[in-house]
N, C-alpha and C. Protein backbone atom coordinates (compact mmCIF):
# COMPACT_ATOMS: atom_id res chain seq x y z
N MET A 1 320.46 -11.88 71.94
CA MET A 1 321.62 -12.01 71.06
C MET A 1 322.83 -11.35 71.71
N GLY A 2 323.97 -11.93 71.46
CA GLY A 2 325.20 -11.35 71.96
C GLY A 2 325.52 -11.65 73.40
N GLU A 3 324.68 -12.48 74.07
CA GLU A 3 324.90 -12.80 75.47
C GLU A 3 325.54 -14.20 75.57
N PRO A 4 326.34 -14.45 76.59
CA PRO A 4 326.95 -15.77 76.75
C PRO A 4 325.91 -16.84 77.07
N LEU A 5 326.24 -18.10 76.72
CA LEU A 5 325.31 -19.21 76.95
C LEU A 5 325.18 -19.54 78.44
N SER A 6 326.07 -19.02 79.25
CA SER A 6 326.08 -19.36 80.67
C SER A 6 325.18 -18.48 81.53
N ILE A 7 324.42 -17.58 80.93
CA ILE A 7 323.51 -16.75 81.73
C ILE A 7 322.16 -17.45 81.88
N VAL A 8 321.44 -17.12 82.95
CA VAL A 8 320.05 -17.54 83.12
C VAL A 8 319.22 -16.30 83.36
N LYS A 9 318.04 -16.27 82.76
CA LYS A 9 317.12 -15.14 82.93
C LYS A 9 316.02 -15.57 83.91
N LEU A 10 315.85 -14.77 84.94
CA LEU A 10 315.00 -15.16 86.06
C LEU A 10 314.01 -14.07 86.43
N TYR A 11 313.01 -14.46 87.22
CA TYR A 11 312.17 -13.46 87.88
C TYR A 11 312.98 -12.83 89.01
N HIS A 12 312.78 -11.55 89.25
CA HIS A 12 313.45 -10.89 90.36
C HIS A 12 312.56 -10.99 91.59
N ASN A 13 312.93 -11.86 92.50
CA ASN A 13 312.16 -12.05 93.73
C ASN A 13 312.41 -10.86 94.66
N LEU A 14 311.34 -10.15 95.01
CA LEU A 14 311.44 -8.96 95.87
C LEU A 14 311.21 -9.28 97.34
N GLY A 15 311.05 -10.57 97.65
CA GLY A 15 310.82 -10.97 99.03
C GLY A 15 309.36 -11.31 99.29
N VAL A 16 309.06 -11.57 100.54
CA VAL A 16 307.71 -11.99 100.94
C VAL A 16 306.93 -10.77 101.42
N ASP A 17 305.73 -10.61 100.90
CA ASP A 17 304.85 -9.54 101.35
C ASP A 17 304.44 -9.83 102.80
N PRO A 18 304.77 -8.95 103.75
CA PRO A 18 304.45 -9.22 105.16
C PRO A 18 302.96 -9.27 105.45
N GLU A 19 302.13 -8.76 104.53
CA GLU A 19 300.68 -8.78 104.75
C GLU A 19 300.04 -10.07 104.24
N THR A 20 300.47 -10.52 103.05
CA THR A 20 299.84 -11.70 102.44
C THR A 20 300.66 -12.98 102.63
N GLY A 21 301.96 -12.82 102.91
CA GLY A 21 302.82 -13.99 103.06
C GLY A 21 303.18 -14.65 101.75
N ILE A 22 303.07 -13.91 100.63
CA ILE A 22 303.32 -14.47 99.30
C ILE A 22 304.51 -13.76 98.66
N TYR A 23 305.31 -14.51 97.91
CA TYR A 23 306.44 -13.91 97.20
C TYR A 23 305.97 -12.81 96.26
N GLN A 24 306.77 -11.74 96.20
CA GLN A 24 306.52 -10.65 95.26
C GLN A 24 307.65 -10.63 94.23
N PHE A 25 307.29 -10.32 92.99
CA PHE A 25 308.27 -10.30 91.90
C PHE A 25 308.19 -8.98 91.15
N GLU A 26 309.31 -8.58 90.59
CA GLU A 26 309.35 -7.31 89.87
C GLU A 26 308.60 -7.43 88.55
N ASP A 27 307.68 -6.48 88.34
CA ASP A 27 306.88 -6.42 87.11
C ASP A 27 307.62 -5.49 86.14
N TYR A 28 308.50 -6.06 85.33
CA TYR A 28 309.37 -5.24 84.48
C TYR A 28 308.61 -4.41 83.45
N ASN A 29 307.55 -4.96 82.88
CA ASN A 29 306.82 -4.21 81.86
C ASN A 29 305.59 -3.48 82.40
N ASN A 30 305.41 -3.52 83.72
CA ASN A 30 304.34 -2.77 84.38
C ASN A 30 302.95 -3.05 83.80
N ASP A 31 302.68 -4.32 83.47
CA ASP A 31 301.36 -4.65 82.93
C ASP A 31 300.44 -5.24 83.99
N GLY A 32 300.91 -5.28 85.24
CA GLY A 32 300.08 -5.78 86.33
C GLY A 32 300.08 -7.29 86.46
N GLU A 33 300.85 -7.98 85.63
CA GLU A 33 300.92 -9.44 85.69
C GLU A 33 302.37 -9.88 85.73
N ILE A 34 302.61 -11.02 86.37
CA ILE A 34 303.94 -11.61 86.38
C ILE A 34 303.90 -12.82 85.44
N ASP A 35 304.58 -12.70 84.30
CA ASP A 35 304.64 -13.80 83.34
C ASP A 35 306.06 -13.89 82.79
N ARG A 36 306.25 -14.72 81.78
CA ARG A 36 307.60 -14.98 81.26
C ARG A 36 308.27 -13.72 80.73
N LYS A 37 307.51 -12.71 80.37
CA LYS A 37 308.11 -11.45 79.91
C LYS A 37 308.86 -10.73 81.02
N ASP A 38 308.56 -11.12 82.25
CA ASP A 38 309.20 -10.47 83.41
C ASP A 38 310.44 -11.23 83.88
N ARG A 39 310.86 -12.24 83.15
CA ARG A 39 312.10 -12.94 83.49
C ARG A 39 313.27 -12.18 82.88
N GLN A 40 313.63 -11.07 83.52
CA GLN A 40 314.66 -10.18 83.01
C GLN A 40 315.86 -10.06 83.95
N TRP A 41 315.78 -10.69 85.12
CA TRP A 41 316.90 -10.67 86.06
C TRP A 41 317.96 -11.66 85.57
N ILE A 42 319.16 -11.18 85.30
CA ILE A 42 320.19 -12.01 84.69
C ILE A 42 321.23 -12.42 85.71
N VAL A 43 321.51 -13.72 85.76
CA VAL A 43 322.59 -14.26 86.59
C VAL A 43 323.59 -14.95 85.69
N GLN A 44 324.85 -14.59 85.84
CA GLN A 44 325.92 -15.20 85.07
C GLN A 44 326.47 -16.37 85.89
N THR A 45 326.30 -17.59 85.37
CA THR A 45 326.71 -18.77 86.13
C THR A 45 328.15 -19.19 85.84
N ALA A 46 328.76 -18.63 84.80
CA ALA A 46 330.17 -18.93 84.55
C ALA A 46 331.03 -18.11 85.53
N PRO A 47 332.13 -18.66 86.00
CA PRO A 47 332.99 -17.92 86.93
C PRO A 47 333.49 -16.61 86.32
N LYS A 48 333.52 -15.55 87.14
CA LYS A 48 334.09 -14.29 86.69
C LYS A 48 335.62 -14.39 86.61
N PHE A 49 336.20 -15.07 87.58
CA PHE A 49 337.62 -15.37 87.53
C PHE A 49 337.91 -16.51 88.51
N TYR A 50 339.01 -17.17 88.29
CA TYR A 50 339.42 -18.26 89.18
C TYR A 50 340.92 -18.45 89.05
N GLY A 51 341.51 -19.13 90.02
CA GLY A 51 342.95 -19.34 89.97
C GLY A 51 343.44 -20.05 91.22
N GLY A 52 344.74 -20.08 91.35
CA GLY A 52 345.34 -20.75 92.49
C GLY A 52 346.66 -20.11 92.86
N LEU A 53 347.12 -20.42 94.04
CA LEU A 53 348.39 -19.88 94.54
C LEU A 53 349.07 -20.97 95.35
N GLY A 54 350.29 -21.31 94.96
CA GLY A 54 351.03 -22.33 95.67
C GLY A 54 352.39 -21.82 96.13
N ASN A 55 352.93 -22.44 97.15
CA ASN A 55 354.24 -22.02 97.66
C ASN A 55 354.93 -23.23 98.31
N THR A 56 356.24 -23.22 98.23
CA THR A 56 357.06 -24.26 98.85
C THR A 56 358.10 -23.60 99.74
N ILE A 57 358.20 -24.06 100.98
CA ILE A 57 359.18 -23.54 101.94
C ILE A 57 360.06 -24.71 102.39
N LYS A 58 361.37 -24.52 102.28
CA LYS A 58 362.31 -25.56 102.70
C LYS A 58 363.20 -25.01 103.82
N TYR A 59 363.43 -25.85 104.82
CA TYR A 59 364.33 -25.49 105.91
C TYR A 59 365.03 -26.76 106.38
N LYS A 60 366.30 -26.82 106.12
CA LYS A 60 367.09 -28.01 106.45
C LYS A 60 366.42 -29.24 105.84
N ASN A 61 366.01 -30.20 106.65
CA ASN A 61 365.41 -31.43 106.11
C ASN A 61 363.89 -31.34 105.96
N TRP A 62 363.33 -30.19 106.28
CA TRP A 62 361.88 -30.04 106.25
C TRP A 62 361.43 -29.34 104.97
N THR A 63 360.30 -29.78 104.43
CA THR A 63 359.71 -29.15 103.26
C THR A 63 358.21 -28.99 103.49
N LEU A 64 357.72 -27.77 103.29
CA LEU A 64 356.29 -27.48 103.44
C LEU A 64 355.74 -26.99 102.11
N ASN A 65 354.71 -27.64 101.60
CA ASN A 65 354.02 -27.24 100.38
C ASN A 65 352.57 -26.89 100.72
N ALA A 66 352.08 -25.81 100.16
CA ALA A 66 350.68 -25.42 100.36
C ALA A 66 350.11 -24.88 99.07
N PHE A 67 348.85 -25.16 98.82
CA PHE A 67 348.19 -24.68 97.59
C PHE A 67 346.79 -24.20 97.92
N LEU A 68 346.46 -22.97 97.52
CA LEU A 68 345.13 -22.38 97.65
C LEU A 68 344.51 -22.27 96.27
N ASN A 69 343.20 -22.50 96.17
CA ASN A 69 342.51 -22.14 94.94
C ASN A 69 341.29 -21.30 95.28
N PHE A 70 340.87 -20.49 94.32
CA PHE A 70 339.78 -19.54 94.55
C PHE A 70 338.95 -19.40 93.30
N LYS A 71 337.71 -18.95 93.50
CA LYS A 71 336.80 -18.75 92.37
C LYS A 71 335.78 -17.70 92.74
N LYS A 72 335.51 -16.78 91.84
CA LYS A 72 334.46 -15.78 91.99
C LYS A 72 333.31 -16.18 91.09
N GLN A 73 332.14 -16.51 91.69
CA GLN A 73 331.05 -17.04 90.89
C GLN A 73 329.71 -16.86 91.59
N SER A 74 328.65 -16.97 90.80
CA SER A 74 327.28 -17.08 91.31
C SER A 74 326.76 -18.44 90.88
N ALA A 75 325.95 -19.06 91.73
CA ALA A 75 325.46 -20.40 91.42
C ALA A 75 324.18 -20.67 92.20
N SER A 76 323.50 -21.76 91.83
CA SER A 76 322.31 -22.18 92.56
C SER A 76 322.70 -22.56 93.97
N ASP A 77 321.79 -22.34 94.92
CA ASP A 77 322.09 -22.68 96.31
C ASP A 77 321.29 -23.90 96.74
N LEU A 78 321.34 -24.23 98.01
CA LEU A 78 320.75 -25.47 98.49
C LEU A 78 319.23 -25.49 98.40
N THR A 79 318.59 -24.34 98.12
CA THR A 79 317.13 -24.34 97.98
C THR A 79 316.71 -24.58 96.53
N PHE A 80 317.68 -24.77 95.62
CA PHE A 80 317.36 -24.83 94.19
C PHE A 80 316.36 -25.95 93.88
N ASN A 81 316.53 -27.09 94.51
CA ASN A 81 315.65 -28.22 94.24
C ASN A 81 314.49 -28.34 95.23
N ALA A 82 314.36 -27.39 96.13
CA ALA A 82 313.29 -27.47 97.12
C ALA A 82 311.93 -27.29 96.43
N ARG A 83 311.08 -28.26 96.56
CA ARG A 83 309.76 -28.21 95.94
C ARG A 83 308.75 -27.53 96.87
N SER A 84 307.57 -27.30 96.36
CA SER A 84 306.52 -26.69 97.17
C SER A 84 306.03 -27.69 98.21
N PRO A 85 305.38 -27.22 99.28
CA PRO A 85 304.92 -28.11 100.34
C PRO A 85 303.93 -29.15 99.81
N GLY A 86 304.01 -30.36 100.38
CA GLY A 86 303.11 -31.43 99.98
C GLY A 86 303.59 -32.21 98.78
N SER A 87 304.83 -31.97 98.31
CA SER A 87 305.33 -32.62 97.09
C SER A 87 306.16 -33.86 97.38
N LEU A 88 306.14 -34.36 98.61
CA LEU A 88 306.82 -35.60 98.99
C LEU A 88 308.33 -35.51 98.79
N THR A 89 308.92 -34.38 99.10
CA THR A 89 310.37 -34.22 99.05
C THR A 89 310.83 -33.61 100.37
N ASN A 90 312.08 -33.87 100.71
CA ASN A 90 312.63 -33.28 101.92
C ASN A 90 312.71 -31.77 101.80
N GLN A 91 312.58 -31.10 102.92
CA GLN A 91 312.67 -29.64 102.97
C GLN A 91 313.86 -29.24 103.84
N HIS A 92 314.49 -28.14 103.45
CA HIS A 92 315.60 -27.63 104.24
C HIS A 92 315.08 -27.02 105.54
N VAL A 93 315.93 -27.03 106.56
CA VAL A 93 315.51 -26.54 107.88
C VAL A 93 315.09 -25.07 107.83
N SER A 94 315.53 -24.32 106.80
CA SER A 94 315.18 -22.90 106.70
C SER A 94 313.68 -22.68 106.56
N VAL A 95 312.91 -23.70 106.14
CA VAL A 95 311.47 -23.52 105.98
C VAL A 95 310.78 -23.30 107.33
N LEU A 96 311.47 -23.62 108.41
CA LEU A 96 310.88 -23.38 109.74
C LEU A 96 310.72 -21.90 110.01
N ASN A 97 311.44 -21.05 109.25
CA ASN A 97 311.34 -19.60 109.42
C ASN A 97 310.47 -18.97 108.34
N ARG A 98 309.53 -19.73 107.80
CA ARG A 98 308.64 -19.22 106.77
C ARG A 98 307.64 -18.22 107.37
N TRP A 99 306.95 -17.48 106.50
CA TRP A 99 305.90 -16.55 106.93
C TRP A 99 304.76 -17.34 107.56
N GLN A 100 304.31 -16.86 108.74
CA GLN A 100 303.21 -17.56 109.42
C GLN A 100 302.12 -16.64 109.92
N GLY A 101 302.35 -15.33 109.87
CA GLY A 101 301.31 -14.42 110.34
C GLY A 101 301.54 -13.02 109.81
N VAL A 102 300.49 -12.22 109.78
CA VAL A 102 300.57 -10.85 109.26
C VAL A 102 301.65 -10.07 109.99
N GLY A 103 302.52 -9.43 109.22
CA GLY A 103 303.60 -8.64 109.79
C GLY A 103 304.92 -9.37 109.87
N ASP A 104 304.91 -10.70 109.65
CA ASP A 104 306.17 -11.46 109.70
C ASP A 104 307.13 -11.00 108.61
N GLN A 105 308.39 -10.82 108.99
CA GLN A 105 309.46 -10.53 108.03
C GLN A 105 310.19 -11.85 107.79
N ALA A 106 309.85 -12.52 106.71
CA ALA A 106 310.38 -13.86 106.44
C ALA A 106 310.95 -13.93 105.04
N GLY A 107 311.88 -14.85 104.85
CA GLY A 107 312.50 -15.04 103.54
C GLY A 107 311.80 -16.09 102.70
N ILE A 108 310.90 -16.86 103.34
CA ILE A 108 310.17 -17.91 102.64
C ILE A 108 308.68 -17.67 102.83
N GLN A 109 307.92 -17.80 101.74
CA GLN A 109 306.50 -17.48 101.83
C GLN A 109 305.73 -18.52 102.63
N ARG A 110 304.49 -18.22 102.93
CA ARG A 110 303.66 -19.10 103.73
C ARG A 110 303.42 -20.42 103.01
N TYR A 111 303.29 -21.49 103.77
CA TYR A 111 302.99 -22.78 103.21
C TYR A 111 301.47 -22.96 103.14
N ILE A 112 301.05 -23.73 102.17
CA ILE A 112 299.61 -23.91 101.93
C ILE A 112 299.29 -25.40 101.87
N THR A 113 298.04 -25.70 102.12
CA THR A 113 297.56 -27.09 102.02
C THR A 113 296.43 -27.22 101.02
N SER A 114 295.94 -26.10 100.52
CA SER A 114 294.79 -26.14 99.62
C SER A 114 295.20 -25.79 98.20
N LEU A 115 294.77 -26.60 97.22
CA LEU A 115 295.03 -26.30 95.81
C LEU A 115 294.25 -25.09 95.35
N ALA A 116 293.28 -24.65 96.15
CA ALA A 116 292.45 -23.51 95.76
C ALA A 116 293.18 -22.18 95.91
N ASP A 117 294.30 -22.17 96.63
CA ASP A 117 295.04 -20.93 96.84
C ASP A 117 295.92 -20.66 95.63
N PHE A 118 295.30 -20.15 94.57
CA PHE A 118 295.98 -20.01 93.28
C PHE A 118 297.18 -19.07 93.35
N ASN A 119 297.02 -17.92 94.02
CA ASN A 119 298.10 -16.93 94.06
C ASN A 119 299.35 -17.47 94.74
N ALA A 120 299.15 -18.20 95.84
CA ALA A 120 300.30 -18.77 96.54
C ALA A 120 300.97 -19.84 95.70
N ARG A 121 300.18 -20.70 95.06
CA ARG A 121 300.75 -21.75 94.21
C ARG A 121 301.52 -21.15 93.03
N LEU A 122 300.97 -20.08 92.43
CA LEU A 122 301.64 -19.43 91.31
C LEU A 122 302.96 -18.81 91.76
N ALA A 123 302.96 -18.22 92.96
CA ALA A 123 304.19 -17.62 93.49
C ALA A 123 305.25 -18.68 93.74
N PHE A 124 304.84 -19.83 94.28
CA PHE A 124 305.77 -20.94 94.46
C PHE A 124 306.36 -21.35 93.12
N SER A 125 305.52 -21.45 92.10
CA SER A 125 305.97 -21.86 90.78
C SER A 125 306.97 -20.86 90.20
N ASN A 126 306.67 -19.57 90.29
CA ASN A 126 307.57 -18.55 89.77
C ASN A 126 308.91 -18.52 90.53
N ASP A 127 308.83 -18.85 91.80
CA ASP A 127 310.05 -18.82 92.62
C ASP A 127 311.08 -19.84 92.17
N PHE A 128 310.62 -20.94 91.55
CA PHE A 128 311.57 -21.95 91.06
C PHE A 128 312.53 -21.36 90.04
N ASP A 129 312.10 -20.30 89.35
CA ASP A 129 312.94 -19.64 88.34
C ASP A 129 313.20 -18.20 88.73
N SER A 130 313.55 -17.99 89.99
CA SER A 130 313.74 -16.63 90.48
C SER A 130 315.13 -16.42 91.04
N SER A 131 315.44 -15.17 91.26
CA SER A 131 316.76 -14.78 91.78
C SER A 131 317.00 -15.34 93.17
N ARG A 132 315.95 -15.70 93.91
CA ARG A 132 316.13 -16.23 95.27
C ARG A 132 316.87 -17.55 95.27
N ARG A 133 316.81 -18.28 94.18
CA ARG A 133 317.43 -19.60 94.11
C ARG A 133 318.92 -19.56 93.79
N TYR A 134 319.46 -18.37 93.61
CA TYR A 134 320.88 -18.23 93.28
C TYR A 134 321.58 -17.38 94.33
N THR A 135 322.86 -17.62 94.49
CA THR A 135 323.60 -16.94 95.54
C THR A 135 325.05 -16.75 95.14
N ASP A 136 325.76 -15.95 95.92
CA ASP A 136 327.21 -15.81 95.75
C ASP A 136 327.87 -17.11 96.22
N ALA A 137 328.51 -17.81 95.30
CA ALA A 137 329.17 -19.08 95.64
C ALA A 137 330.69 -18.95 95.53
N SER A 138 331.21 -17.75 95.72
CA SER A 138 332.65 -17.53 95.66
C SER A 138 333.33 -18.19 96.85
N PHE A 139 334.59 -18.56 96.66
CA PHE A 139 335.29 -19.22 97.76
C PHE A 139 336.80 -19.09 97.59
N ILE A 140 337.50 -19.23 98.71
CA ILE A 140 338.95 -19.44 98.76
C ILE A 140 339.16 -20.70 99.58
N ARG A 141 339.84 -21.68 99.02
CA ARG A 141 339.96 -22.97 99.68
C ARG A 141 341.42 -23.37 99.84
N LEU A 142 341.73 -23.87 101.01
CA LEU A 142 343.04 -24.48 101.21
C LEU A 142 342.96 -25.88 100.62
N ARG A 143 343.44 -26.00 99.40
CA ARG A 143 343.28 -27.24 98.67
C ARG A 143 344.17 -28.36 99.21
N SER A 144 345.44 -28.04 99.44
CA SER A 144 346.34 -29.10 99.91
C SER A 144 347.49 -28.50 100.72
N VAL A 145 347.96 -29.29 101.67
CA VAL A 145 349.14 -28.96 102.47
C VAL A 145 349.93 -30.25 102.64
N SER A 146 351.25 -30.15 102.48
CA SER A 146 352.10 -31.32 102.65
C SER A 146 353.33 -30.91 103.44
N LEU A 147 353.63 -31.67 104.48
CA LEU A 147 354.82 -31.45 105.29
C LEU A 147 355.65 -32.73 105.25
N SER A 148 356.92 -32.62 104.81
CA SER A 148 357.76 -33.81 104.70
C SER A 148 359.10 -33.58 105.39
N TYR A 149 359.70 -34.68 105.81
CA TYR A 149 361.00 -34.64 106.48
C TYR A 149 361.91 -35.67 105.84
N ASP A 150 363.04 -35.20 105.31
CA ASP A 150 364.03 -36.10 104.69
C ASP A 150 364.90 -36.71 105.79
N LEU A 151 364.87 -38.01 105.86
CA LEU A 151 365.67 -38.70 106.87
C LEU A 151 367.16 -38.51 106.61
N PRO A 152 367.98 -38.30 107.64
CA PRO A 152 369.42 -38.11 107.46
C PRO A 152 370.07 -39.30 106.76
N LYS A 153 371.09 -39.01 105.95
CA LYS A 153 371.77 -40.03 105.17
C LYS A 153 372.40 -41.11 106.05
N ASP A 154 372.86 -40.74 107.22
CA ASP A 154 373.51 -41.74 108.07
C ASP A 154 372.51 -42.75 108.65
N LEU A 155 371.22 -42.43 108.55
CA LEU A 155 370.21 -43.38 109.02
C LEU A 155 369.72 -44.32 107.93
N VAL A 156 369.79 -43.83 106.67
CA VAL A 156 369.28 -44.62 105.53
C VAL A 156 370.35 -44.67 104.45
N SER A 157 371.41 -45.35 104.71
CA SER A 157 372.53 -45.44 103.76
C SER A 157 372.12 -46.18 102.49
N GLY A 158 372.46 -45.57 101.34
CA GLY A 158 372.22 -46.22 100.06
C GLY A 158 370.95 -45.80 99.35
N PHE A 159 370.05 -45.08 99.99
CA PHE A 159 368.83 -44.61 99.32
C PHE A 159 368.29 -43.38 100.05
N ASN A 160 367.36 -42.71 99.38
CA ASN A 160 366.71 -41.53 99.95
C ASN A 160 365.38 -41.92 100.58
N ALA A 161 365.07 -41.30 101.70
CA ALA A 161 363.81 -41.60 102.37
C ALA A 161 363.26 -40.35 103.03
N SER A 162 361.96 -40.23 102.97
CA SER A 162 361.30 -39.10 103.62
C SER A 162 359.95 -39.55 104.18
N ILE A 163 359.58 -38.94 105.27
CA ILE A 163 358.27 -39.16 105.88
C ILE A 163 357.42 -37.93 105.60
N TYR A 164 356.16 -38.14 105.21
CA TYR A 164 355.33 -36.98 104.89
C TYR A 164 353.92 -37.13 105.46
N LEU A 165 353.32 -35.98 105.71
CA LEU A 165 351.92 -35.88 106.12
C LEU A 165 351.25 -34.93 105.15
N GLN A 166 350.19 -35.38 104.51
CA GLN A 166 349.53 -34.59 103.46
C GLN A 166 348.04 -34.48 103.74
N GLY A 167 347.49 -33.30 103.52
CA GLY A 167 346.05 -33.08 103.66
C GLY A 167 345.46 -32.52 102.38
N GLN A 168 344.26 -32.99 102.00
CA GLN A 168 343.55 -32.52 100.81
C GLN A 168 342.18 -31.99 101.20
N ASN A 169 341.75 -30.90 100.53
CA ASN A 169 340.41 -30.32 100.76
C ASN A 169 340.18 -30.04 102.24
N LEU A 170 341.10 -29.31 102.83
CA LEU A 170 341.09 -29.15 104.29
C LEU A 170 339.96 -28.25 104.79
N PHE A 171 339.91 -27.00 104.31
CA PHE A 171 338.83 -26.11 104.76
C PHE A 171 338.80 -24.89 103.87
N PHE A 172 337.70 -24.11 104.02
CA PHE A 172 337.53 -22.87 103.27
C PHE A 172 338.03 -21.70 104.11
N LEU A 173 338.87 -20.89 103.52
CA LEU A 173 339.28 -19.65 104.17
C LEU A 173 338.21 -18.58 104.02
N TYR A 174 337.41 -18.71 102.94
CA TYR A 174 336.31 -17.75 102.70
C TYR A 174 335.24 -18.45 101.88
N SER A 175 333.98 -18.29 102.28
CA SER A 175 332.86 -18.81 101.51
C SER A 175 331.57 -18.22 102.03
N ASN A 176 330.70 -17.75 101.11
CA ASN A 176 329.37 -17.28 101.47
C ASN A 176 328.30 -18.31 101.15
N SER A 177 328.70 -19.41 100.53
CA SER A 177 327.74 -20.40 100.06
C SER A 177 327.06 -21.11 101.22
N ARG A 178 325.75 -21.41 101.04
CA ARG A 178 325.01 -22.21 102.02
C ARG A 178 325.02 -23.69 101.64
N ASN A 179 325.63 -24.03 100.50
CA ASN A 179 325.69 -25.42 100.10
C ASN A 179 326.61 -26.21 101.02
N ALA A 180 326.48 -27.53 100.96
CA ALA A 180 327.37 -28.37 101.76
C ALA A 180 328.82 -28.15 101.39
N ASP A 181 329.07 -27.78 100.14
CA ASP A 181 330.42 -27.49 99.66
C ASP A 181 330.30 -26.40 98.61
N ALA A 182 330.98 -25.26 98.82
CA ALA A 182 330.87 -24.13 97.89
C ALA A 182 331.35 -24.49 96.49
N GLU A 183 332.22 -25.49 96.40
CA GLU A 183 332.76 -25.87 95.10
C GLU A 183 331.82 -26.78 94.32
N GLN A 184 330.89 -27.44 95.02
CA GLN A 184 329.94 -28.33 94.39
C GLN A 184 328.61 -27.58 94.27
N VAL A 185 328.44 -26.85 93.15
CA VAL A 185 327.32 -25.91 93.08
C VAL A 185 326.15 -26.43 92.27
N LEU A 186 326.26 -27.57 91.62
CA LEU A 186 325.19 -28.04 90.77
C LEU A 186 323.93 -28.31 91.58
N GLU A 187 322.95 -27.42 91.46
CA GLU A 187 321.65 -27.55 92.12
C GLU A 187 321.74 -27.65 93.64
N GLY A 188 322.91 -27.37 94.21
CA GLY A 188 323.04 -27.36 95.65
C GLY A 188 322.84 -28.70 96.32
N THR A 189 322.96 -29.82 95.56
CA THR A 189 322.63 -31.12 96.13
C THR A 189 323.81 -32.07 96.21
N ARG A 190 324.94 -31.73 95.66
CA ARG A 190 326.07 -32.64 95.67
C ARG A 190 326.74 -32.70 97.04
N MET A 191 327.28 -33.87 97.33
CA MET A 191 327.99 -34.04 98.58
C MET A 191 329.32 -33.30 98.53
N PRO A 192 329.82 -32.82 99.67
CA PRO A 192 331.10 -32.10 99.67
C PRO A 192 332.25 -33.02 99.33
N LEU A 193 333.33 -32.41 98.81
CA LEU A 193 334.54 -33.17 98.52
C LEU A 193 335.11 -33.72 99.83
N LEU A 194 335.61 -34.93 99.76
CA LEU A 194 336.11 -35.57 100.96
C LEU A 194 337.40 -34.91 101.44
N ARG A 195 337.49 -34.71 102.74
CA ARG A 195 338.75 -34.27 103.34
C ARG A 195 339.62 -35.50 103.55
N GLN A 196 340.87 -35.41 103.10
CA GLN A 196 341.76 -36.57 103.17
C GLN A 196 343.05 -36.21 103.91
N LEU A 197 343.49 -37.11 104.78
CA LEU A 197 344.76 -36.99 105.47
C LEU A 197 345.56 -38.25 105.19
N THR A 198 346.82 -38.08 104.77
CA THR A 198 347.67 -39.21 104.40
C THR A 198 349.01 -39.10 105.11
N LEU A 199 349.41 -40.17 105.77
CA LEU A 199 350.72 -40.29 106.37
C LEU A 199 351.47 -41.37 105.62
N GLY A 200 352.70 -41.04 105.13
CA GLY A 200 353.38 -42.01 104.30
C GLY A 200 354.91 -41.93 104.41
N LEU A 201 355.52 -42.93 103.80
CA LEU A 201 356.98 -43.01 103.71
C LEU A 201 357.35 -43.15 102.26
N GLN A 202 358.23 -42.27 101.79
CA GLN A 202 358.65 -42.29 100.40
C GLN A 202 360.12 -42.72 100.33
N LEU A 203 360.38 -43.73 99.49
CA LEU A 203 361.74 -44.26 99.35
C LEU A 203 362.21 -44.07 97.92
N GLY A 204 363.48 -43.71 97.78
CA GLY A 204 364.08 -43.55 96.46
C GLY A 204 365.41 -44.28 96.38
N PHE A 205 365.56 -45.15 95.35
CA PHE A 205 366.78 -45.95 95.24
C PHE A 205 367.66 -45.41 94.12
């Protein structure tokens, strides 16, 4: 009660046990079992803050416009939809660094081929709802830049004309996200926003 609808309650993934190669989770109630009562790790998926900053610079016939936008947030990362091995789905290249032998320090637990390995299968299942699937998805993005030149009046008598070059979704000045696009955070599977470059002529009568 009293919590925002945008939070998710998760298992706290403590990493891979270097001896067993299986994910470990925080046992909040210390009962020796990991169950739904231990989903106490809270992630706020609504942005903490967001905004933008724009500026226009004019010099003689030249005009430069630039706009930045930013967002502070946590969101699912590109492993959010990654299924357990043998589930007929593509796997991210990071699985190549999974645990493979005693003493390995790995971020992904060992892969299994046998349904009899109950502990490993249970750990995979719990990991789908764990803190490991979420990450800092904050970013600062150069959203748009436009450079235009107003043609001299003696060249275009009777109307106004300008030539412009405009870019959209150019690049990130800051991003920790492993997704294809830090702004597209839904389950880490959306394609990035298209980068666009436009060269044009604007006429005014």
